Amino acid sequence: MQVDRSLILKLETLARLELSEDERSQLTGDLNKILAMVEKLEQLDTSNVEPLVYINDVENTLREDEIKYQVSQEAALANAPDKDERYFKVPKVM
């Protein structure tokens, strides 16, 4: 695949960008270099390489769920600007 001016103009429209001619030519060159690097990587023989699933062998250590520092209902509602006996009152949102 080769990046040309028409592709850059299409990408510019899709991304809602306004590029100058210098920026377009620089972007064309940069994208062509990236595609050349990817083509070079595709030539590598990876038949004997094991797929990498995780970077390291560390397992996720989970902790038990414990209730700590629980606030009473009265304390939670103490500074509420508008409340009834048990709940915060908030304006309706449509």
Protein backbone atom coordinates (compact mmCIF):
# COMPACT_ATOMS: atom_id res chain seq x y z
CA MET A 1 0.00 0.00 0.00
CA GLN A 2 1.30 3.41 -0.91
CA VAL A 3 0.14 6.62 0.74
CA ASP A 4 -0.52 9.39 -1.79
CA ARG A 5 -2.08 12.83 -1.81
CA SER A 6 -5.64 11.54 -2.39
CA LEU A 7 -5.45 9.29 0.68
CA ILE A 8 -4.09 12.16 2.79
CA LEU A 9 -6.96 14.39 1.62
CA LYS A 10 -9.48 11.69 2.53
CA LEU A 11 -7.90 11.20 5.98
CA GLU A 12 -7.83 14.96 6.44
CA THR A 13 -11.58 15.11 5.74
CA LEU A 14 -12.39 12.18 8.03
CA ALA A 15 -10.31 13.61 10.88
CA ARG A 16 -11.70 17.11 10.23
CA LEU A 17 -8.22 18.58 9.88
CA GLU A 18 -6.96 21.43 7.76
CA LEU A 19 -3.36 20.77 6.72
CA SER A 20 -1.04 22.90 4.66
CA GLU A 21 0.73 21.46 1.61
CA ASP A 22 3.97 21.16 3.61
CA GLU A 23 2.17 19.23 6.36
CA ARG A 24 0.52 16.97 3.78
CA SER A 25 3.84 16.14 2.12
CA GLN A 26 5.51 15.51 5.49
CA LEU A 27 2.61 13.29 6.60
CA THR A 28 2.77 11.37 3.31
CA GLY A 29 6.47 10.68 3.83
CA ASP A 30 6.00 9.70 7.47
CA LEU A 31 3.15 7.30 6.72
CA ASN A 32 5.10 5.71 3.86
CA LYS A 33 8.06 5.18 6.22
CA ILE A 34 5.76 3.53 8.78
CA LEU A 35 4.30 1.22 6.15
CA ALA A 36 7.80 0.30 4.93
CA MET A 37 8.79 -0.58 8.51
CA VAL A 38 5.68 -2.79 8.88
CA GLU A 39 6.49 -4.54 5.59
CA LYS A 40 10.00 -5.20 6.87
CA LEU A 41 8.58 -6.66 10.10
CA GLU A 42 6.27 -8.94 8.10
CA GLN A 43 9.35 -10.57 6.54
CA LEU A 44 10.58 -11.86 9.91
CA ASP A 45 10.32 -15.61 10.52
CA THR A 46 8.26 -16.03 13.69
CA SER A 47 7.40 -19.70 13.29
CA ASN A 48 9.45 -20.75 16.35
CA VAL A 49 8.36 -17.86 18.57
CA GLU A 50 5.85 -18.65 21.30
CA PRO A 51 2.96 -16.15 21.42
CA LEU A 52 3.23 -13.66 24.25
CA VAL A 53 0.11 -13.43 26.35
CA TYR A 54 1.43 -11.60 29.41
CA ILE A 55 4.61 -9.61 29.90
CA ASN A 56 5.41 -11.18 33.28
CA ASP A 57 4.34 -14.24 35.26
CA VAL A 58 2.93 -12.36 38.26
CA GLU A 59 -0.63 -13.32 39.14
CA ASN A 60 -3.17 -10.83 40.36
CA THR A 61 -3.46 -11.05 44.14
CA LEU A 62 -6.96 -10.26 45.28
CA ARG A 63 -7.98 -9.21 48.76
CA GLU A 64 -11.15 -9.99 50.64
CA ASP A 65 -13.89 -7.38 50.55
CA GLU A 66 -14.19 -5.87 53.99
CA ILE A 67 -16.32 -3.00 55.16
CA LYS A 68 -14.08 -0.34 56.68
CA TYR A 69 -14.66 3.21 57.80
CA GLN A 70 -18.41 3.04 57.32
CA VAL A 71 -20.20 6.38 57.69
CA SER A 72 -23.57 6.51 59.39
CA GLN A 73 -26.58 7.72 57.43
CA GLU A 74 -26.94 10.79 59.65
CA ALA A 75 -23.28 11.76 59.14
CA ALA A 76 -23.53 11.27 55.37
CA LEU A 77 -26.63 13.49 55.16
CA ALA A 78 -25.33 16.10 57.64
CA ASN A 79 -24.07 18.58 55.02
CA ALA A 80 -26.58 17.79 52.27
CA PRO A 81 -28.23 20.96 50.92
CA ASP A 82 -31.56 19.21 50.31
CA LYS A 83 -32.64 15.95 51.93
CA ASP A 84 -35.54 14.08 53.42
CA GLU A 85 -35.31 11.62 56.29
CA ARG A 86 -33.19 9.01 54.51
CA TYR A 87 -32.08 10.27 51.08
CA PHE A 88 -30.37 13.11 49.21
CA LYS A 89 -32.75 15.17 47.08
CA VAL A 90 -31.48 16.12 43.63
CA PRO A 91 -33.14 17.98 40.73
CA LYS A 92 -34.81 15.91 38.04
CA VAL A 93 -32.66 15.31 34.97
CA MET A 94 -34.24 14.68 31.61
